[in-house]
């Protein structure tokens, strides 16, 4: 089986896909890639389905050696990938030779990057997902972040691929830009009626800072205090991806991929799906301004994003090693498919 060897993992590199869907009723968080747009595009440019397991790194990309020829794509944070001491491109198909070493020279903007490898990363599925959920130590490689000397199995050999075809490149206009201050669109609710009217204005007209207590579970923000009419508590209900809780201290918390499934704090608003990708790229110290939009506007934003994803052409399938033979036995003809055994 083809594989990649981790030489230096960086501070937090995990294996992620689109997460565990359908298990929140049992208390299992979804997890999955934080910036789903960058993750999906990486997969498509590498020739995968857009839900194949890939590497997600935070703050610093990993250093790793390819033990076989590979096709990869790197997306997400603006960084400088280095392959065999030469700069490599972002947001496009890259062909990598056996023995090559990929490393990164820091991040210019954004926070999280994705490395998709053709064939996907092969790890055992837990509840129909290979995503690493660190708090429960499940998924990925033994439920943990990657460490040096880890061998990451790849799902599809490209041996025999016909040379280096023209790489696929995401048009520049579609490549997201990550800013120090992001405008994040939200839909108010489901409990905005439990907040004072002036606090709703405060929430929508103030600037909030991402704190160092932020992680894949939630982003804790610091800024002007948001006041409730009475209690900050409600009877526990489900927490949607992007739900913004406001506990008694009045500082909002945006619930993200590794969030718990239920909670008893009031939720003032929910971040629209497309803007969760912007949040995933905000490092501590970066700023957020919230803007209220309608459900129709949120749907329009999602349609635009999906049209970009759907416009990406996948690499053609590698030529199959299977062969079809025609056999004649006792005068009767048969078509037989044969393939080599690894």
Protein backbone atom coordinates (compact mmCIF):
# COMPACT_ATOMS: atom_id res chain seq x y z
CA UNK A 1 0.00 0.00 0.00
CA UNK A 2 1.25 3.52 -0.81
CA UNK A 3 1.99 5.77 2.14
CA UNK A 4 3.39 9.04 3.46
CA UNK A 5 5.82 9.31 6.38
CA UNK A 6 5.44 12.19 8.81
CA UNK A 7 8.83 13.71 9.64
CA UNK A 8 7.61 16.71 11.66
CA UNK A 9 3.85 16.99 12.29
CA UNK A 10 3.56 20.68 13.16
CA UNK A 11 1.63 21.78 16.27
CA UNK A 12 -1.72 20.25 15.25
CA UNK A 13 -2.16 18.08 12.18
CA UNK A 14 -5.08 15.66 12.11
CA UNK A 15 -6.94 13.55 9.59
CA UNK A 16 -10.38 14.92 8.75
CA UNK A 17 -13.24 14.33 6.35
CA UNK A 18 -16.76 15.78 6.36
CA UNK A 19 -17.43 14.29 9.79
CA UNK A 20 -19.87 11.90 11.51
CA UNK A 21 -23.32 12.74 10.28
CA UNK A 22 -26.45 11.30 11.89
CA UNK A 23 -25.02 10.53 15.32
CA UNK A 24 -25.65 13.75 17.25
CA UNK A 25 -28.83 12.23 18.73
CA UNK A 26 -26.52 9.77 20.49
CA UNK A 27 -24.33 12.56 21.79
CA UNK A 28 -21.57 12.12 19.22
CA UNK A 29 -20.22 15.40 17.77
CA UNK A 30 -19.83 15.69 14.01
CA UNK A 31 -16.15 16.83 13.98
CA UNK A 32 -14.73 16.96 10.42
CA UNK A 33 -12.79 19.65 8.56
CA UNK A 34 -13.11 23.16 9.97
CA UNK A 35 -12.87 24.96 6.60
CA UNK A 36 -15.03 22.70 4.46
CA UNK A 37 -14.59 24.78 1.30
CA UNK A 38 -10.79 24.54 1.31
CA UNK A 39 -10.96 20.86 2.29
CA UNK A 40 -13.40 19.95 -0.50
CA UNK A 41 -11.50 21.89 -3.15
CA UNK A 42 -8.23 20.19 -2.13
CA UNK A 43 -9.84 16.80 -2.62
CA UNK A 44 -11.30 17.64 -6.01
CA UNK A 45 -8.01 19.07 -7.29
CA UNK A 46 -6.25 15.89 -6.13
CA UNK A 47 -8.75 13.77 -8.05
CA UNK A 48 -10.80 12.55 -5.07
CA UNK A 49 -14.44 12.72 -4.14
CA UNK A 50 -14.98 15.82 -2.05
CA UNK A 51 -15.40 13.83 1.18
CA UNK A 52 -12.17 11.81 1.13
CA UNK A 53 -10.04 11.89 4.28
CA UNK A 54 -7.25 14.48 4.11
CA UNK A 55 -4.74 16.21 6.40
CA UNK A 56 -5.79 19.38 8.25
CA UNK A 57 -2.96 21.41 9.77
CA UNK A 58 -3.10 24.41 12.09
CA UNK A 59 -0.54 27.23 12.39
CA UNK A 60 2.22 25.24 10.65
CA UNK A 61 2.12 22.59 7.97
CA UNK A 62 3.75 19.19 8.49
CA UNK A 63 7.01 17.99 7.00
CA UNK A 64 6.52 14.66 5.32
CA UNK A 65 8.12 12.25 2.89
CA UNK A 66 6.23 10.53 0.08
CA UNK A 67 7.09 6.85 0.01
CA UNK A 68 5.48 6.48 -3.44
CA UNK A 69 4.61 8.71 -6.37
CA UNK A 70 1.55 10.79 -5.51
CA UNK A 71 -0.87 13.44 -6.73
CA UNK A 72 -1.71 16.04 -4.10
CA UNK A 73 -3.31 19.47 -3.66
CA UNK A 74 -2.75 22.03 -0.90
CA UNK A 75 -5.38 24.64 -0.03
CA UNK A 76 -6.57 26.79 2.84
CA UNK A 77 -4.27 29.20 4.67
CA UNK A 78 -1.88 31.25 2.57
CA UNK A 79 1.41 29.49 3.16
CA UNK A 80 4.54 28.55 1.21
CA UNK A 81 4.77 24.82 0.52
CA UNK A 82 8.25 23.55 -0.28
CA UNK A 83 8.82 20.32 -2.20
CA UNK A 84 12.45 19.20 -2.42
CA UNK A 85 13.67 22.72 -1.62
CA UNK A 86 11.52 24.36 -4.31
CA UNK A 87 8.34 26.43 -3.73
CA UNK A 88 5.17 24.59 -4.70
CA UNK A 89 1.81 26.12 -5.68
CA UNK A 90 -1.38 26.31 -3.68
CA UNK A 91 -4.89 25.57 -4.97
CA UNK A 92 -3.79 23.33 -7.84
CA UNK A 93 -2.84 19.76 -8.68
CA UNK A 94 0.75 18.81 -7.82
CA UNK A 95 2.56 15.67 -8.95
CA UNK A 96 5.04 14.41 -6.37
CA UNK A 97 7.75 11.81 -6.93
CA UNK A 98 8.60 8.97 -4.58
CA UNK A 99 11.12 10.16 -2.00
CA UNK A 100 10.11 13.81 -2.25
CA UNK A 101 9.77 15.82 0.95
CA UNK A 102 7.01 18.38 1.48
CA UNK A 103 7.47 21.09 4.11
CA UNK A 104 6.05 24.55 4.78
CA UNK A 105 7.54 28.00 5.40
CA UNK A 106 5.00 29.40 7.84
CA UNK A 107 1.61 31.01 7.21
CA UNK A 108 1.08 34.50 5.76
CA UNK A 109 -2.67 34.66 6.33
CA UNK A 110 -5.35 32.29 7.57
CA UNK A 111 -4.81 29.56 10.14
CA UNK A 112 -5.64 26.13 8.71
CA UNK A 113 -4.42 24.31 5.62
CA UNK A 114 -5.34 21.07 3.88
CA UNK A 115 -3.25 18.47 2.10
CA UNK A 116 -5.33 16.09 0.01
CA UNK A 117 -3.65 13.03 -1.51
CA UNK A 118 -5.12 11.25 -4.51
CA UNK A 119 -6.97 8.19 -3.28
CA UNK A 120 -7.51 9.79 0.11
CA UNK A 121 -5.95 8.86 3.41
CA UNK A 122 -6.94 5.34 4.41
CA UNK A 123 -7.89 5.06 8.06
CA UNK A 124 -10.54 2.88 9.76
CA UNK A 125 -13.96 4.49 9.82
CA UNK A 126 -15.56 5.09 13.21
CA UNK A 127 -19.30 5.71 12.88
CA UNK A 128 -18.91 6.12 9.12
CA UNK A 129 -16.13 8.71 9.29
CA UNK A 130 -12.36 8.81 9.42
CA UNK A 131 -12.34 12.22 11.14
CA UNK A 132 -10.19 12.63 14.21
CA UNK A 133 -12.20 13.70 17.27
CA UNK A 134 -9.51 14.46 19.79
CA UNK A 135 -11.73 14.79 22.87
CA UNK A 136 -12.93 11.18 22.50
CA UNK A 137 -9.70 9.82 20.97
CA UNK A 138 -11.49 8.32 17.98
CA UNK A 139 -10.95 8.42 14.23
CA UNK A 140 -7.84 9.24 12.22
CA UNK A 141 -4.67 7.61 13.57
CA UNK A 142 -5.56 6.21 17.03
CA UNK A 143 -7.79 9.22 17.67
CA UNK A 144 -4.84 11.58 18.10
CA UNK A 145 -2.97 14.31 16.27
CA UNK A 146 -0.18 13.14 14.01
CA UNK A 147 3.30 12.65 15.38
CA UNK A 148 6.71 12.19 13.81
CA UNK A 149 7.32 8.75 12.26
CA UNK A 150 3.60 8.16 11.66
CA UNK A 151 3.04 6.29 8.41
CA UNK A 152 -0.10 7.57 6.71
CA UNK A 153 -1.58 5.00 4.30
CA UNK A 154 -2.82 6.30 0.96
CA UNK A 155 -5.85 4.77 -0.67
CA UNK A 156 -4.97 4.67 -4.34
CA UNK A 157 -1.74 4.00 -6.17
CA UNK A 158 -0.94 6.18 -9.17
CA UNK A 159 1.72 3.86 -10.51
CA UNK A 160 1.25 3.65 -14.26
CA UNK A 161 -0.34 7.08 -14.46
CA UNK A 162 0.40 8.46 -17.95
CA UNK A 163 3.02 11.08 -17.16
CA UNK A 164 2.15 14.48 -15.68
CA UNK A 165 -1.07 15.69 -17.30
CA UNK A 166 -1.97 19.37 -17.17
CA UNK A 167 -2.60 20.30 -13.53
CA UNK A 168 -5.99 21.62 -12.56
CA UNK A 169 -5.85 25.11 -11.06
CA UNK A 170 -8.59 26.90 -9.12
CA UNK A 171 -9.17 30.31 -10.79
CA UNK A 172 -7.75 33.19 -8.72
CA UNK A 173 -11.17 34.79 -8.36
CA UNK A 174 -12.38 31.72 -6.46
CA UNK A 175 -9.46 31.57 -4.02
CA UNK A 176 -10.59 32.98 -0.65
CA UNK A 177 -8.67 35.82 0.98
CA UNK A 178 -8.22 35.76 4.73
CA UNK A 179 -8.32 39.11 6.51
CA UNK A 180 -7.41 40.34 10.00
CA UNK A 181 -11.03 41.46 10.43
CA UNK A 182 -13.83 39.40 8.89
CA UNK A 183 -17.46 40.33 8.43
CA UNK A 184 -19.41 37.24 9.49
CA UNK A 185 -23.02 36.89 8.35
CA UNK A 186 -25.50 35.48 10.83
CA UNK A 187 -29.19 34.69 11.10
CA UNK A 188 -30.56 35.91 14.42
CA UNK A 189 -32.04 33.28 16.71
CA UNK A 190 -33.22 30.89 17.86
CA UNK A 191 -33.35 32.70 21.23
CA UNK A 192 -32.70 36.34 20.32
CA UNK A 193 -35.97 37.27 22.06
CA UNK A 194 -34.27 36.45 25.38
CA UNK A 195 -31.76 39.28 24.90
CA UNK A 196 -32.29 43.00 25.53
CA UNK A 197 -32.89 44.99 22.32
CA UNK A 198 -29.89 47.22 22.96
CA UNK A 199 -27.74 44.10 23.32
CA UNK A 200 -28.82 42.84 19.90
CA UNK A 201 -27.60 46.20 18.54
CA UNK A 202 -24.38 45.83 20.52
CA UNK A 203 -23.84 42.35 19.05
CA UNK A 204 -24.37 43.56 15.47
CA UNK A 205 -22.48 46.86 15.73
CA UNK A 206 -19.39 45.92 17.70
CA UNK A 207 -16.05 44.31 17.00
CA UNK A 208 -15.15 41.07 18.77
CA UNK A 209 -11.69 39.56 19.16
CA UNK A 210 -10.90 35.84 18.86
CA UNK A 211 -9.29 34.79 22.17
CA UNK A 212 -6.61 32.23 22.87
CA UNK A 213 -9.27 29.99 24.47
CA UNK A 214 -10.52 29.11 20.98
CA UNK A 215 -10.22 25.67 19.41
CA UNK A 216 -12.00 23.23 17.10
CA UNK A 217 -14.89 22.99 19.57
CA UNK A 218 -15.67 26.68 19.77
CA UNK A 219 -14.32 30.19 19.32
CA UNK A 220 -14.53 32.32 22.46
CA UNK A 221 -14.80 36.00 21.62
CA UNK A 222 -14.05 39.12 23.65
CA UNK A 223 -15.81 42.43 23.21
CA UNK A 224 -18.71 44.57 24.46
CA UNK A 225 -20.92 42.66 26.90
CA UNK A 226 -24.25 41.26 25.68
CA UNK A 227 -27.01 41.35 28.30
CA UNK A 228 -29.93 38.94 28.67
CA UNK A 229 -33.40 40.06 29.67
CA UNK A 230 -33.33 37.61 32.56
CA UNK A 231 -31.34 34.35 32.77
CA UNK A 232 -28.67 33.18 30.32
CA UNK A 233 -29.90 29.62 30.77
CA UNK A 234 -32.50 27.68 28.82
CA UNK A 235 -33.64 24.07 28.87
CA UNK A 236 -30.87 22.29 26.94
CA UNK A 237 -31.49 21.99 23.22
CA UNK A 238 -29.49 21.04 20.16
CA UNK A 239 -26.48 23.13 19.17
CA UNK A 240 -26.20 23.77 15.42
CA UNK A 241 -22.87 24.25 13.67
CA UNK A 242 -22.18 27.97 13.95
CA UNK A 243 -24.59 28.54 16.82
CA UNK A 244 -23.50 31.53 18.94
CA UNK A 245 -24.03 30.95 22.65
CA UNK A 246 -23.93 33.78 25.17
CA UNK A 247 -23.33 32.59 28.76
CA UNK A 248 -23.89 34.77 31.80
CA UNK A 249 -20.64 36.72 31.35
CA UNK A 250 -22.04 38.19 28.13
CA UNK A 251 -19.18 37.16 25.81
CA UNK A 252 -20.23 35.16 22.70
CA UNK A 253 -18.96 31.68 21.86
CA UNK A 254 -19.24 30.35 18.29
CA UNK A 255 -19.79 26.59 18.31
CA UNK A 256 -17.77 24.77 15.64
CA UNK A 257 -16.92 21.30 14.30
CA UNK A 258 -16.07 19.55 17.60
CA UNK A 259 -18.94 21.18 19.53
CA UNK A 260 -21.05 19.24 22.00
CA UNK A 261 -24.46 18.20 20.72
CA UNK A 262 -26.63 20.01 23.29
CA UNK A 263 -26.28 23.00 25.59
CA UNK A 264 -28.23 25.17 27.99
CA UNK A 265 -27.00 28.68 27.11
CA UNK A 266 -29.09 31.05 25.03
CA UNK A 267 -28.10 31.36 21.38
CA UNK A 268 -28.32 34.86 19.97
CA UNK A 269 -27.61 33.90 16.33
CA UNK A 270 -26.21 31.27 13.99
CA UNK A 271 -23.38 31.82 11.51
CA UNK A 272 -24.38 31.00 7.92
CA UNK A 273 -22.69 27.92 6.48
CA UNK A 274 -20.43 29.68 3.99
CA UNK A 275 -18.94 32.04 6.58
CA UNK A 276 -17.89 29.22 8.90
CA UNK A 277 -14.93 28.79 6.54
CA UNK A 278 -13.81 32.36 7.30
CA UNK A 279 -14.03 31.71 11.04
CA UNK A 280 -11.96 28.54 10.71
CA UNK A 281 -9.14 30.69 9.28
CA UNK A 282 -9.13 33.28 12.08
CA UNK A 283 -6.26 32.99 14.55
CA UNK A 284 -6.45 34.36 18.10
CA UNK A 285 -6.22 38.15 18.04
CA UNK A 286 -8.14 38.49 14.77
CA UNK A 287 -11.43 40.43 14.70
CA UNK A 288 -15.04 39.63 13.84
CA UNK A 289 -17.94 41.92 12.97
CA UNK A 290 -21.37 40.31 12.73
CA UNK A 291 -23.94 41.17 10.07
CA UNK A 292 -27.56 40.00 10.17
CA UNK A 293 -28.85 38.47 6.93
CA UNK A 294 -32.01 36.65 5.90
CA UNK A 295 -32.34 32.93 5.27
CA UNK A 296 -32.73 33.68 1.56
CA UNK A 297 -29.43 35.59 1.54
CA UNK A 298 -27.76 32.66 3.29
CA UNK A 299 -29.12 30.28 0.67
CA UNK A 300 -27.85 32.55 -2.13
CA UNK A 301 -24.35 32.57 -0.60
CA UNK A 302 -24.41 28.79 -0.36
CA UNK A 303 -25.53 28.44 -3.98
CA UNK A 304 -22.59 30.60 -5.12
CA UNK A 305 -20.14 28.52 -3.10
CA UNK A 306 -21.57 25.25 -4.41
CA UNK A 307 -21.39 26.52 -8.00
CA UNK A 308 -17.65 27.15 -7.47
CA UNK A 309 -17.11 23.67 -6.06
CA UNK A 310 -19.16 22.08 -8.82
CA UNK A 311 -17.16 23.94 -11.48
CA UNK A 312 -13.94 22.20 -10.46
CA UNK A 313 -12.95 19.46 -12.83
CA UNK A 314 -11.55 16.32 -11.28
CA UNK A 315 -8.49 14.59 -12.58
CA UNK A 316 -9.37 11.70 -14.84
CA UNK A 317 -9.26 8.25 -13.38
CA UNK A 318 -5.90 6.54 -13.53
CA UNK A 319 -5.78 3.72 -16.04
CA UNK A 320 -7.06 0.52 -14.51
CA UNK A 321 -4.72 -2.41 -14.03
CA UNK A 322 -7.64 -4.71 -14.75
CA UNK A 323 -7.70 -6.61 -18.03
CA UNK A 324 -10.62 -8.34 -19.73
CA UNK A 325 -9.92 -11.62 -21.49
CA UNK A 326 -12.18 -13.61 -23.77
CA UNK A 327 -12.07 -17.32 -23.03
CA UNK A 328 -13.68 -20.16 -24.94
CA UNK A 329 -14.51 -23.24 -22.85
CA UNK A 330 -16.22 -26.23 -24.45
CA UNK A 331 -17.20 -24.02 -27.35
CA UNK A 332 -18.82 -21.37 -25.12
CA UNK A 333 -17.27 -17.88 -24.86
CA UNK A 334 -16.76 -16.04 -21.53
CA UNK A 335 -15.48 -12.54 -20.67
CA UNK A 336 -13.17 -12.75 -17.63
CA UNK A 337 -11.79 -9.75 -15.71
CA UNK A 338 -8.35 -10.24 -14.15
CA UNK A 339 -6.24 -7.94 -11.98
CA UNK A 340 -2.89 -8.35 -10.20
CA UNK A 341 -2.89 -9.36 -6.52
CA UNK A 342 -0.92 -7.00 -4.28
